[in-house]
């Protein structure tokens, strides 16, 4: 079964903020890759997920093996399988500049 990679909306934490926009086009995703920017101000960037495709409440931290999934600067983080409907990022503090995290999804065809 072929695997294709599709670009999604970039998750961006604005300057002087701690929460990114959300992406919700994940239903057909086998896996996601989030690419960290070269630098971040905060000590941790945590992935939050939501079981609803449209809700603005109900966000929880994504965990793997009992540990919060965090994104390091200048590295790519793979998430698979995808068992949620929305995703966003939350920094542990306010970012000193706008931070862009490109996201791709892998789709089985």
C-alpha atoms as a PDB file:
ATOM      1  CA  UNK A   1       0.000   0.000   0.000  1.00  0.00           C
ATOM      2  CA  UNK A   2       1.620   3.322  -1.065  1.00  0.00           C
ATOM      3  CA  UNK A   3       2.232   6.081   1.442  1.00  0.00           C
ATOM      4  CA  UNK A   4       1.999   9.746   0.430  1.00  0.00           C
ATOM      5  CA  UNK A   5       3.047  12.790   2.441  1.00  0.00           C
ATOM      6  CA  UNK A   6       0.836  15.891   2.436  1.00  0.00           C
ATOM      7  CA  UNK A   7       1.599  19.306   3.889  1.00  0.00           C
ATOM      8  CA  UNK A   8      -0.863  20.672   6.455  1.00  0.00           C
ATOM      9  CA  UNK A   9      -1.419  24.123   7.890  1.00  0.00           C
ATOM     10  CA  UNK A  10       1.635  25.321   9.809  1.00  0.00           C
ATOM     11  CA  UNK A  11       1.133  25.497  13.566  1.00  0.00           C
ATOM     12  CA  UNK A  12       2.228  28.981  14.667  1.00  0.00           C
ATOM     13  CA  UNK A  13       2.713  30.351  18.157  1.00  0.00           C
ATOM     14  CA  UNK A  14       2.493  34.147  17.749  1.00  0.00           C
ATOM     15  CA  UNK A  15       4.958  36.576  19.299  1.00  0.00           C
ATOM     16  CA  UNK A  16       4.212  37.164  23.027  1.00  0.00           C
ATOM     17  CA  UNK A  17       1.784  34.200  23.101  1.00  0.00           C
ATOM     18  CA  UNK A  18       1.937  30.602  24.292  1.00  0.00           C
ATOM     19  CA  UNK A  19      -0.744  28.776  22.249  1.00  0.00           C
ATOM     20  CA  UNK A  20      -0.745  27.984  18.527  1.00  0.00           C
ATOM     21  CA  UNK A  21      -3.597  27.730  16.092  1.00  0.00           C
ATOM     22  CA  UNK A  22      -5.188  24.278  15.781  1.00  0.00           C
ATOM     23  CA  UNK A  23      -5.279  21.885  12.846  1.00  0.00           C
ATOM     24  CA  UNK A  24      -8.161  19.479  12.325  1.00  0.00           C
ATOM     25  CA  UNK A  25      -7.723  17.761   8.947  1.00  0.00           C
ATOM     26  CA  UNK A  26      -6.451  14.537  10.487  1.00  0.00           C
ATOM     27  CA  UNK A  27      -9.091  11.852   9.807  1.00  0.00           C
ATOM     28  CA  UNK A  28      -7.142  10.185   6.986  1.00  0.00           C
ATOM     29  CA  UNK A  29      -3.714  10.553   8.618  1.00  0.00           C
ATOM     30  CA  UNK A  30      -1.681   7.452   9.398  1.00  0.00           C
ATOM     31  CA  UNK A  31       0.987   9.605  11.029  1.00  0.00           C
ATOM     32  CA  UNK A  32       2.023  13.226  11.542  1.00  0.00           C
ATOM     33  CA  UNK A  33       5.433  14.881  11.561  1.00  0.00           C
ATOM     34  CA  UNK A  34       5.917  18.232  13.314  1.00  0.00           C
ATOM     35  CA  UNK A  35       9.075  20.170  12.456  1.00  0.00           C
ATOM     36  CA  UNK A  36      10.483  22.402  15.208  1.00  0.00           C
ATOM     37  CA  UNK A  37      11.870  25.856  14.406  1.00  0.00           C
ATOM     38  CA  UNK A  38      15.575  26.514  14.923  1.00  0.00           C
ATOM     39  CA  UNK A  39      14.932  28.242  18.259  1.00  0.00           C
ATOM     40  CA  UNK A  40      12.204  28.587  20.891  1.00  0.00           C
ATOM     41  CA  UNK A  41      12.048  30.749  24.009  1.00  0.00           C
ATOM     42  CA  UNK A  42      10.135  28.339  26.254  1.00  0.00           C
ATOM     43  CA  UNK A  43      11.628  25.375  28.037  1.00  0.00           C
ATOM     44  CA  UNK A  44       8.892  23.075  26.649  1.00  0.00           C
ATOM     45  CA  UNK A  45       6.486  23.030  23.719  1.00  0.00           C
ATOM     46  CA  UNK A  46       3.737  20.496  24.485  1.00  0.00           C
ATOM     47  CA  UNK A  47       1.331  18.920  22.003  1.00  0.00           C
ATOM     48  CA  UNK A  48      -2.318  19.157  22.982  1.00  0.00           C
ATOM     49  CA  UNK A  49      -5.066  17.114  21.316  1.00  0.00           C
ATOM     50  CA  UNK A  50      -8.849  17.143  21.179  1.00  0.00           C
ATOM     51  CA  UNK A  51     -11.329  14.335  20.391  1.00  0.00           C
ATOM     52  CA  UNK A  52     -13.673  16.780  18.611  1.00  0.00           C
ATOM     53  CA  UNK A  53     -13.021  18.251  15.169  1.00  0.00           C
ATOM     54  CA  UNK A  54     -14.754  21.547  16.006  1.00  0.00           C
ATOM     55  CA  UNK A  55     -14.712  22.077  19.788  1.00  0.00           C
ATOM     56  CA  UNK A  56     -12.616  24.878  21.279  1.00  0.00           C
ATOM     57  CA  UNK A  57     -12.621  23.252  24.724  1.00  0.00           C
ATOM     58  CA  UNK A  58     -11.574  19.831  25.976  1.00  0.00           C
ATOM     59  CA  UNK A  59      -7.876  20.071  25.111  1.00  0.00           C
ATOM     60  CA  UNK A  60      -5.500  17.639  26.871  1.00  0.00           C
ATOM     61  CA  UNK A  61      -1.755  17.066  26.703  1.00  0.00           C
ATOM     62  CA  UNK A  62      -0.718  14.217  24.407  1.00  0.00           C
ATOM     63  CA  UNK A  63       1.234  11.533  26.253  1.00  0.00           C
ATOM     64  CA  UNK A  64       3.323   8.573  25.163  1.00  0.00           C
ATOM     65  CA  UNK A  65       4.299   5.930  27.736  1.00  0.00           C
ATOM     66  CA  UNK A  66       3.044   8.233  30.521  1.00  0.00           C
ATOM     67  CA  UNK A  67       5.153  11.226  29.478  1.00  0.00           C
ATOM     68  CA  UNK A  68       3.940  14.442  27.829  1.00  0.00           C
ATOM     69  CA  UNK A  69       4.988  14.667  24.182  1.00  0.00           C
ATOM     70  CA  UNK A  70       7.122  17.793  23.724  1.00  0.00           C
ATOM     71  CA  UNK A  71       8.762  19.273  20.648  1.00  0.00           C
ATOM     72  CA  UNK A  72      12.459  20.115  20.659  1.00  0.00           C
ATOM     73  CA  UNK A  73      13.839  22.974  18.578  1.00  0.00           C
ATOM     74  CA  UNK A  74      15.315  22.099  15.176  1.00  0.00           C
ATOM     75  CA  UNK A  75      14.083  18.485  15.200  1.00  0.00           C
ATOM     76  CA  UNK A  76      11.214  16.574  13.618  1.00  0.00           C
ATOM     77  CA  UNK A  77       8.793  14.662  15.853  1.00  0.00           C
ATOM     78  CA  UNK A  78       6.686  11.804  14.448  1.00  0.00           C
ATOM     79  CA  UNK A  79       3.274  10.957  15.944  1.00  0.00           C
ATOM     80  CA  UNK A  80       1.616   7.668  14.986  1.00  0.00           C
ATOM     81  CA  UNK A  81      -1.024   6.332  15.109  1.00  0.00           C
ATOM     82  CA  UNK A  82      -3.363   9.345  15.044  1.00  0.00           C
ATOM     83  CA  UNK A  83      -6.176   8.799  17.550  1.00  0.00           C
ATOM     84  CA  UNK A  84      -7.412  12.392  17.907  1.00  0.00           C
ATOM     85  CA  UNK A  85      -9.280  14.922  15.731  1.00  0.00           C
ATOM     86  CA  UNK A  86      -7.437  18.219  16.463  1.00  0.00           C
ATOM     87  CA  UNK A  87      -3.948  19.226  17.518  1.00  0.00           C
ATOM     88  CA  UNK A  88      -2.312  22.422  18.754  1.00  0.00           C
ATOM     89  CA  UNK A  89       0.878  23.442  20.573  1.00  0.00           C
ATOM     90  CA  UNK A  90       1.283  25.098  23.970  1.00  0.00           C
ATOM     91  CA  UNK A  91       4.536  26.679  25.138  1.00  0.00           C
ATOM     92  CA  UNK A  92       5.514  26.711  28.811  1.00  0.00           C
ATOM     93  CA  UNK A  93       5.930  30.501  28.574  1.00  0.00           C
ATOM     94  CA  UNK A  94       5.431  33.385  26.168  1.00  0.00           C
ATOM     95  CA  UNK A  95       7.451  33.139  22.971  1.00  0.00           C
ATOM     96  CA  UNK A  96       9.749  36.105  22.202  1.00  0.00           C
ATOM     97  CA  UNK A  97       9.019  35.840  18.457  1.00  0.00           C
ATOM     98  CA  UNK A  98       6.514  34.133  16.199  1.00  0.00           C
ATOM     99  CA  UNK A  99       7.378  30.401  15.998  1.00  0.00           C
ATOM    100  CA  UNK A 100       6.312  28.336  12.992  1.00  0.00           C
ATOM    101  CA  UNK A 101       6.049  24.538  13.189  1.00  0.00           C
ATOM    102  CA  UNK A 102       5.396  23.003   9.756  1.00  0.00           C
ATOM    103  CA  UNK A 103       3.298  19.813   9.841  1.00  0.00           C
ATOM    104  CA  UNK A 104       2.974  16.964   7.349  1.00  0.00           C
ATOM    105  CA  UNK A 105       0.689  13.946   7.422  1.00  0.00           C
ATOM    106  CA  UNK A 106       1.289  10.496   6.010  1.00  0.00           C
ATOM    107  CA  UNK A 107      -1.705   8.986   4.227  1.00  0.00           C
ATOM    108  CA  UNK A 108      -2.033   5.371   3.130  1.00  0.00           C
ATOM    109  CA  UNK A 109      -3.536   5.154  -0.367  1.00  0.00           C
END
